[in-house]
Each structure stands twice: as C-alpha cells, then as structure tokens.
C-alpha cells in the first residue's frame, strides 16, 4: 500500500521502511515577518503596528494562516481591526470567523470594505483546492449550521439568501453537470442547504410562519431520507429537529388563550376579530404533516374533539 504514496528505493537497508520526504515546500518567512506573525499571536498591538509596513502583510505561517486568521482564532477583536486596517487579503476569513462563532469578528468583516488594486498574496491562498471550505458553503449556510442566532441575524440584515434546493432527480443543466462531475458531492451540497434551512435560529428569524415552515420542512426531509440513501440518517435527524423545534415553539405559549390563538391561526383571518373561528387550523396541519411531537397540554383536550384524535394518529 505504501508504494502508492511513496517512491520506492533500491537501497536494501530501507526495504522494510517507508522513506519520507517533504513534498510541499513552505514559504520562507523573513525575520520581520516572523516577528509580525508572532506579535499577532501574542496580541502585541504596538509591535504589529510598527512592523507591518516593512513586510508582506499577507505572509503565512507554517500552518497556512495569515495574521488575520491567527487573530480570529485567538478571538482578539482589537488585533483583527488593526490587521483589517492594513488592507490585507481577507479570503475565507469570514467563514473562519463564523465557524469559530466570533460574533465581533463577523461584524468587523461584514463592515470591512475590500481594498482596491493589486496586492501581494501567496498563491496557496488563492488556490481553492487548499481551502478549508467547499464552494457550496456560503457564510449564511455555515452560520445556519452552527445555529448561531446573532451571526445569522447579522447576515440576514445584510440581505443574504440561501439557494433553493433542486429536486433529487432534477434535469436542469446545473444539476446534471454537477452530478456528472461528482454525484456524491452534488448530494452533499443539497444536504448542506437543507441543514441550513432546518436551523431553528434561521427559521425563527426569517420565516413569517415558523410553524408552517417547520412542518413542511420536516415532511420534505422525511421524504428525502427515502431517496437519498447515502444521507438517510442525516435527513431523518434534520426532520426530527424540525419537529422538535415546532414543539418547543409551541411550549413558549403562556396561556390557554395564547395557545388557542396559535392553533387556530390562519393567514387570511384576524383571530382577534374572528372569535368564533375555532377550527384548529394549525393542529390540522400538524396532523397532515405527521407532527406527532407537537403534544398538546393536558387542559387543551377540552378545546376540541380533534385534539383527542390527534394523539391517536
């Protein structure tokens, strides 16, 4: 097996050993660049401000990190702000900040204006092959995966959007091309979108009707689990997550009256005016979409016979 990865050698003394050699060269750092990155690591504001104009500000350490990424990892907002003022190459810094869930860093990066003109950037930073993130992972998708309410809110306020997932057997040019190149990655890309859409924080922030959104998503995810065999368990888990979100949301009601209004809600009816409209429209939807997790409080059984029947479905 080792022969697939390493060059063979005819030296008899190494026949029972795997020879090692460096196959990827690292960029050499000057003494000042090492001092610069060291100052960032230690949070030495003064030294960093003194050195930056003498070096390539986009230099990277042996781990492939720029000064900006080091500052994000250390959650040092003061240093992040200073580094950004140097007009550095940002690259995937926003995604790193979101993955690390550094809210302050995300806010700084969202408000940062990219510098115009050319800059000296190590080629490895421009090569997507070495990126920590696949092309389908956008800031809002990654933020939804972390379910960080504050970060999702910052991004939604900036007007971001989530791609509409296509059907499994979609024959559009984009889907056919993507599936032909790498069918597994294509399926994973769809899963990443649905994982984002299933984020409780994203639903709560962006959906005008979170109950209906959760119900429909749960049903859709359950159906996907039947056809996306590679990710069956993931889709089932997301479906259950949506059901649990709807239940938890219902548990936030503070009185029988408030709960009744939620269960009777219709898009085209003002419940404050339509006192007699007690058809439990939302509960019927829960039954339609098989939301058994939406359990009613014991004293609600008296509201409508349908509640009794719901527990038996």
Protein backbone atom coordinates (compact mmCIF):
# COMPACT_ATOMS: atom_id res chain seq x y z
CA UNK A 1 0.00 0.00 0.00
CA UNK A 2 2.82 2.38 0.84
CA UNK A 3 4.09 2.06 -2.72
CA UNK A 4 1.10 4.06 -3.89
CA UNK A 5 2.22 7.09 -1.91
CA UNK A 6 6.00 6.96 -1.67
CA UNK A 7 8.80 6.45 -4.13
CA UNK A 8 10.47 3.08 -4.00
CA UNK A 9 14.14 2.80 -3.19
CA UNK A 10 16.62 0.10 -4.18
CA UNK A 11 18.68 0.55 -1.05
CA UNK A 12 18.44 -2.79 0.76
CA UNK A 13 18.75 -1.16 4.18
CA UNK A 14 15.40 0.59 3.59
CA UNK A 15 13.39 -2.33 2.22
CA UNK A 16 11.42 -2.68 5.45
CA UNK A 17 10.98 1.06 5.94
CA UNK A 18 8.89 3.81 4.38
CA UNK A 19 11.12 6.67 3.21
CA UNK A 20 9.85 10.15 3.99
CA UNK A 21 10.48 13.41 2.21
CA UNK A 22 8.95 16.87 2.12
CA UNK A 23 6.68 17.12 -0.92
CA UNK A 24 5.19 20.56 -0.28
CA UNK A 25 7.55 23.43 0.27
CA UNK A 26 6.67 26.12 2.79
CA UNK A 27 7.10 29.80 2.08
CA UNK A 28 10.16 31.17 3.78
CA UNK A 29 9.45 33.93 6.29
CA UNK A 30 11.83 36.80 6.82
CA UNK A 31 12.81 37.66 10.42
CA UNK A 32 10.46 40.65 10.33
CA UNK A 33 7.57 38.52 9.03
CA UNK A 34 8.14 36.02 11.82
CA UNK A 35 8.15 38.88 14.32
CA UNK A 36 4.96 40.26 12.76
CA UNK A 37 3.05 36.97 12.99
CA UNK A 38 4.43 36.42 16.48
CA UNK A 39 3.14 39.82 17.55
CA UNK A 40 -0.31 38.91 16.21
CA UNK A 41 -0.24 35.60 18.08
CA UNK A 42 0.66 37.34 21.34
CA UNK A 43 -1.72 40.25 20.77
CA UNK A 44 1.16 42.74 20.75
CA UNK A 45 -0.62 45.71 19.20
CA UNK A 46 2.33 48.11 19.32
CA UNK A 47 4.87 45.78 17.70
CA UNK A 48 2.46 44.80 14.96
CA UNK A 49 1.68 48.41 14.09
CA UNK A 50 5.39 49.16 13.94
CA UNK A 51 6.37 46.29 11.63
CA UNK A 52 3.53 45.85 9.13
CA UNK A 53 4.64 48.42 6.52
CA UNK A 54 8.07 46.75 6.20
CA UNK A 55 6.80 43.31 5.15
CA UNK A 56 4.33 41.39 3.03
CA UNK A 57 1.25 41.76 5.23
CA UNK A 58 -0.31 38.66 3.65
CA UNK A 59 2.53 36.34 4.67
CA UNK A 60 1.51 32.97 6.10
CA UNK A 61 2.88 30.84 8.91
CA UNK A 62 3.82 27.13 8.55
CA UNK A 63 0.17 26.23 9.25
CA UNK A 64 -1.01 28.31 6.30
CA UNK A 65 -2.53 31.04 8.47
CA UNK A 66 -2.41 34.73 7.73
CA UNK A 67 -2.24 37.32 10.51
CA UNK A 68 -5.99 37.81 10.13
CA UNK A 69 -6.76 34.12 10.64
CA UNK A 70 -4.45 33.97 13.66
CA UNK A 71 -6.27 36.92 15.22
CA UNK A 72 -9.64 35.29 14.53
CA UNK A 73 -8.53 32.03 16.13
CA UNK A 74 -7.43 33.98 19.20
CA UNK A 75 -10.70 35.97 19.17
CA UNK A 76 -8.70 39.19 19.53
CA UNK A 77 -11.02 41.85 18.10
CA UNK A 78 -8.54 44.68 18.62
CA UNK A 79 -5.91 42.90 16.54
CA UNK A 80 -8.48 41.88 13.91
CA UNK A 81 -9.50 45.52 13.49
CA UNK A 82 -5.85 46.59 13.25
CA UNK A 83 -4.99 43.92 10.66
CA UNK A 84 -8.02 44.86 8.56
CA UNK A 85 -6.85 48.47 8.58
CA UNK A 86 -3.70 47.29 6.75
CA UNK A 87 -5.87 46.37 3.73
CA UNK A 88 -4.98 42.68 3.96
CA UNK A 89 -6.31 39.85 1.79
CA UNK A 90 -9.49 38.64 3.50
CA UNK A 91 -10.17 35.41 1.59
CA UNK A 92 -12.17 32.92 3.67
CA UNK A 93 -11.71 34.90 6.89
CA UNK A 94 -15.46 35.45 7.25
CA UNK A 95 -16.11 31.72 7.03
CA UNK A 96 -13.41 31.05 9.62
CA UNK A 97 -14.94 33.66 11.95
CA UNK A 98 -18.39 32.10 11.52
CA UNK A 99 -17.08 28.58 12.17
CA UNK A 100 -15.30 29.86 15.26
CA UNK A 101 -18.52 31.76 16.20
CA UNK A 102 -16.65 35.00 16.91
CA UNK A 103 -19.57 37.41 16.56
CA UNK A 104 -17.45 40.55 16.85
CA UNK A 105 -15.10 39.34 14.11
CA UNK A 106 -18.04 38.55 11.82
CA UNK A 107 -19.39 42.07 12.31
CA UNK A 108 -15.99 43.64 11.59
CA UNK A 109 -15.56 41.58 8.42
CA UNK A 110 -19.07 42.32 7.16
CA UNK A 111 -18.45 46.05 7.54
CA UNK A 112 -14.95 45.89 6.06
CA UNK A 113 -14.51 47.40 2.61
CA UNK A 114 -12.28 45.32 0.38
CA UNK A 115 -9.23 47.27 -0.80
CA UNK A 116 -8.99 48.11 -4.48
CA UNK A 117 -5.90 47.42 -6.55
CA UNK A 118 -3.42 44.57 -6.54
CA UNK A 119 -1.69 43.12 -3.51
CA UNK A 120 0.98 40.54 -2.83
CA UNK A 121 -0.85 37.32 -1.94
CA UNK A 122 0.75 33.87 -1.52
CA UNK A 123 -0.56 31.59 -4.33
CA UNK A 124 -1.78 28.98 -1.84
CA UNK A 125 -4.34 31.47 -0.51
CA UNK A 126 -5.81 31.85 -3.99
CA UNK A 127 -5.94 28.11 -4.69
CA UNK A 128 -9.42 26.84 -3.77
CA UNK A 129 -8.01 23.32 -3.63
CA UNK A 130 -6.41 24.23 -0.31
CA UNK A 131 -9.47 25.97 1.11
CA UNK A 132 -11.00 24.61 4.31
CA UNK A 133 -14.46 25.04 2.78
CA UNK A 134 -16.15 23.55 -0.27
CA UNK A 135 -17.56 26.04 -2.83
CA UNK A 136 -21.16 25.41 -1.76
CA UNK A 137 -20.53 26.59 1.81
CA UNK A 138 -21.57 30.24 1.92
CA UNK A 139 -21.50 32.42 5.06
CA UNK A 140 -25.23 32.05 5.71
CA UNK A 141 -25.16 28.28 5.19
CA UNK A 142 -22.24 27.89 7.59
CA UNK A 143 -23.85 30.22 10.14
CA UNK A 144 -27.08 28.22 9.96
CA UNK A 145 -25.10 25.02 10.50
CA UNK A 146 -23.74 26.49 13.74
CA UNK A 147 -27.26 27.75 14.58
CA UNK A 148 -25.73 30.94 15.98
CA UNK A 149 -28.63 33.38 16.29
CA UNK A 150 -26.53 36.55 16.45
CA UNK A 151 -24.41 35.70 13.42
CA UNK A 152 -27.42 34.60 11.36
CA UNK A 153 -29.13 37.88 12.25
CA UNK A 154 -26.11 39.92 11.11
CA UNK A 155 -26.06 38.10 7.77
CA UNK A 156 -29.81 38.29 7.18
CA UNK A 157 -29.68 42.03 7.86
CA UNK A 158 -27.10 42.25 5.07
CA UNK A 159 -29.61 40.75 2.65
CA UNK A 160 -28.03 37.34 2.10
CA UNK A 161 -30.01 34.46 0.61
CA UNK A 162 -29.96 30.66 0.63
CA UNK A 163 -30.02 28.72 -2.66
CA UNK A 164 -33.29 26.96 -3.44
CA UNK A 165 -32.53 23.21 -3.33
CA UNK A 166 -33.44 21.37 -6.52
CA UNK A 167 -35.26 18.06 -6.64
CA UNK A 168 -33.20 14.90 -6.37
CA UNK A 169 -33.83 13.96 -9.99
CA UNK A 170 -33.69 17.49 -11.36
CA UNK A 171 -32.64 17.55 -15.02
CA UNK A 172 -31.55 21.17 -15.24
CA UNK A 173 -28.14 21.86 -16.80
CA UNK A 174 -26.59 22.86 -13.48
CA UNK A 175 -27.70 19.70 -11.65
CA UNK A 176 -26.82 17.32 -14.47
CA UNK A 177 -23.37 18.86 -14.84
CA UNK A 178 -22.69 18.85 -11.09
CA UNK A 179 -23.89 15.26 -10.71
CA UNK A 180 -21.78 14.06 -13.65
CA UNK A 181 -18.63 15.59 -12.15
CA UNK A 182 -19.17 14.25 -8.63
CA UNK A 183 -22.57 12.81 -7.71
CA UNK A 184 -21.70 12.39 -4.03
CA UNK A 185 -20.56 16.00 -3.68
CA UNK A 186 -23.70 17.09 -5.51
CA UNK A 187 -25.86 15.21 -2.99
CA UNK A 188 -23.85 16.59 -0.08
CA UNK A 189 -24.33 20.10 -1.41
CA UNK A 190 -28.10 19.56 -1.30
CA UNK A 191 -27.81 18.22 2.25
CA UNK A 192 -25.82 21.30 3.28
CA UNK A 193 -28.60 23.55 2.04
CA UNK A 194 -31.29 21.59 3.88
CA UNK A 195 -29.18 21.53 7.05
CA UNK A 196 -29.07 25.32 6.85
CA UNK A 197 -32.80 25.66 6.16
CA UNK A 198 -33.53 23.44 9.18
CA UNK A 199 -31.69 25.74 11.57
CA UNK A 200 -34.12 26.76 14.35
CA UNK A 201 -32.49 30.19 14.55
CA UNK A 202 -32.81 30.76 10.80
CA UNK A 203 -36.46 29.68 10.81
CA UNK A 204 -37.24 31.88 13.81
CA UNK A 205 -35.53 34.89 12.23
CA UNK A 206 -36.61 34.66 8.61
CA UNK A 207 -39.93 32.80 8.46
CA UNK A 208 -43.21 34.69 8.80
CA UNK A 209 -44.89 31.42 9.77
CA UNK A 210 -42.29 29.30 11.60
CA UNK A 211 -44.80 26.54 12.43
CA UNK A 212 -45.75 26.01 8.80
CA UNK A 213 -42.10 26.22 7.73
CA UNK A 214 -41.08 23.61 10.30
CA UNK A 215 -43.99 21.32 9.39
CA UNK A 216 -43.27 21.41 5.66
CA UNK A 217 -39.52 21.07 6.08
CA UNK A 218 -39.93 18.10 8.39
CA UNK A 219 -42.17 16.35 5.86
CA UNK A 220 -39.86 17.16 2.95
CA UNK A 221 -36.80 15.95 4.84
CA UNK A 222 -38.51 12.69 5.74
CA UNK A 223 -39.33 12.13 2.07
CA UNK A 224 -35.73 12.89 1.09
CA UNK A 225 -34.48 10.29 3.56
CA UNK A 226 -36.27 7.67 1.46
CA UNK A 227 -34.48 8.55 -1.78
CA UNK A 228 -31.10 9.92 -0.65
CA UNK A 229 -29.74 6.64 0.66
CA UNK A 230 -26.21 7.96 1.32
CA UNK A 231 -27.57 10.53 3.76
CA UNK A 232 -30.69 8.77 5.03
CA UNK A 233 -29.83 9.15 8.73
CA UNK A 234 -28.85 12.81 8.31
CA UNK A 235 -32.18 13.69 6.68
CA UNK A 236 -34.10 11.77 9.33
CA UNK A 237 -32.23 13.65 12.04
CA UNK A 238 -32.99 17.01 10.42
CA UNK A 239 -36.65 16.05 10.07
CA UNK A 240 -36.79 15.24 13.77
CA UNK A 241 -35.05 18.53 14.54
CA UNK A 242 -37.79 20.48 12.74
CA UNK A 243 -40.49 18.58 14.63
CA UNK A 244 -38.79 19.31 17.93
CA UNK A 245 -38.47 23.00 17.03
CA UNK A 246 -42.22 23.24 16.37
CA UNK A 247 -42.94 21.56 19.70
CA UNK A 248 -40.51 23.80 21.59
CA UNK A 249 -42.01 26.86 19.94
CA UNK A 250 -45.50 25.81 20.98
CA UNK A 251 -44.27 25.31 24.53
CA UNK A 252 -43.47 29.03 24.68
CA UNK A 253 -47.15 29.95 24.83
CA UNK A 254 -48.02 31.46 28.21
CA UNK A 255 -51.75 30.79 28.50
CA UNK A 256 -54.63 28.72 27.14
CA UNK A 257 -55.87 31.71 25.19
CA UNK A 258 -52.50 32.33 23.57
CA UNK A 259 -52.11 28.67 22.69
CA UNK A 260 -55.61 28.53 21.23
CA UNK A 261 -54.82 31.52 19.02
CA UNK A 262 -51.70 29.77 17.73
CA UNK A 263 -53.57 26.54 16.98
CA UNK A 264 -56.39 28.39 15.21
CA UNK A 265 -54.10 30.68 13.20
CA UNK A 266 -54.86 31.21 9.52
CA UNK A 267 -53.04 33.51 7.13
CA UNK A 268 -56.22 35.25 5.98
CA UNK A 269 -58.02 35.56 9.33
CA UNK A 270 -57.58 38.04 12.15
CA UNK A 271 -58.15 35.91 15.24
CA UNK A 272 -58.67 38.96 17.42
CA UNK A 273 -61.79 39.72 15.37
CA UNK A 274 -62.91 36.20 14.48
CA UNK A 275 -63.66 34.85 17.95
CA UNK A 276 -65.81 32.03 16.62
CA UNK A 277 -63.15 30.60 14.31
CA UNK A 278 -62.02 27.61 16.38
CA UNK A 279 -61.20 25.02 13.74
CA UNK A 280 -57.63 24.38 14.98
CA UNK A 281 -56.15 25.02 11.53
CA UNK A 282 -52.58 24.74 12.75
CA UNK A 283 -53.28 21.49 14.57
CA UNK A 284 -54.80 20.05 11.40
CA UNK A 285 -51.63 20.99 9.56
CA UNK A 286 -49.58 19.22 12.24
CA UNK A 287 -51.63 16.07 11.64
CA UNK A 288 -51.30 16.43 7.87
CA UNK A 289 -47.51 16.64 8.10
CA UNK A 290 -47.27 13.87 10.75
CA UNK A 291 -46.02 16.16 13.52
CA UNK A 292 -46.66 13.80 16.42
CA UNK A 293 -44.09 15.65 18.54
CA UNK A 294 -46.43 18.62 18.81
CA UNK A 295 -48.03 17.40 22.03
CA UNK A 296 -50.90 19.35 23.48
CA UNK A 297 -51.05 20.35 27.12
CA UNK A 298 -53.48 18.26 29.10
CA UNK A 299 -56.04 21.02 29.65
CA UNK A 300 -56.38 21.55 25.87
CA UNK A 301 -58.27 18.30 25.35
CA UNK A 302 -61.46 20.19 26.20
CA UNK A 303 -60.94 22.74 23.40
CA UNK A 304 -61.89 20.48 20.52
CA UNK A 305 -62.51 16.75 19.89
CA UNK A 306 -59.81 16.87 17.22
CA UNK A 307 -57.16 17.20 19.94
CA UNK A 308 -58.15 13.80 21.33
CA UNK A 309 -57.92 12.24 17.91
CA UNK A 310 -54.51 13.81 17.26
CA UNK A 311 -52.76 11.68 19.89
CA UNK A 312 -54.06 8.54 18.16
CA UNK A 313 -52.75 9.36 14.67
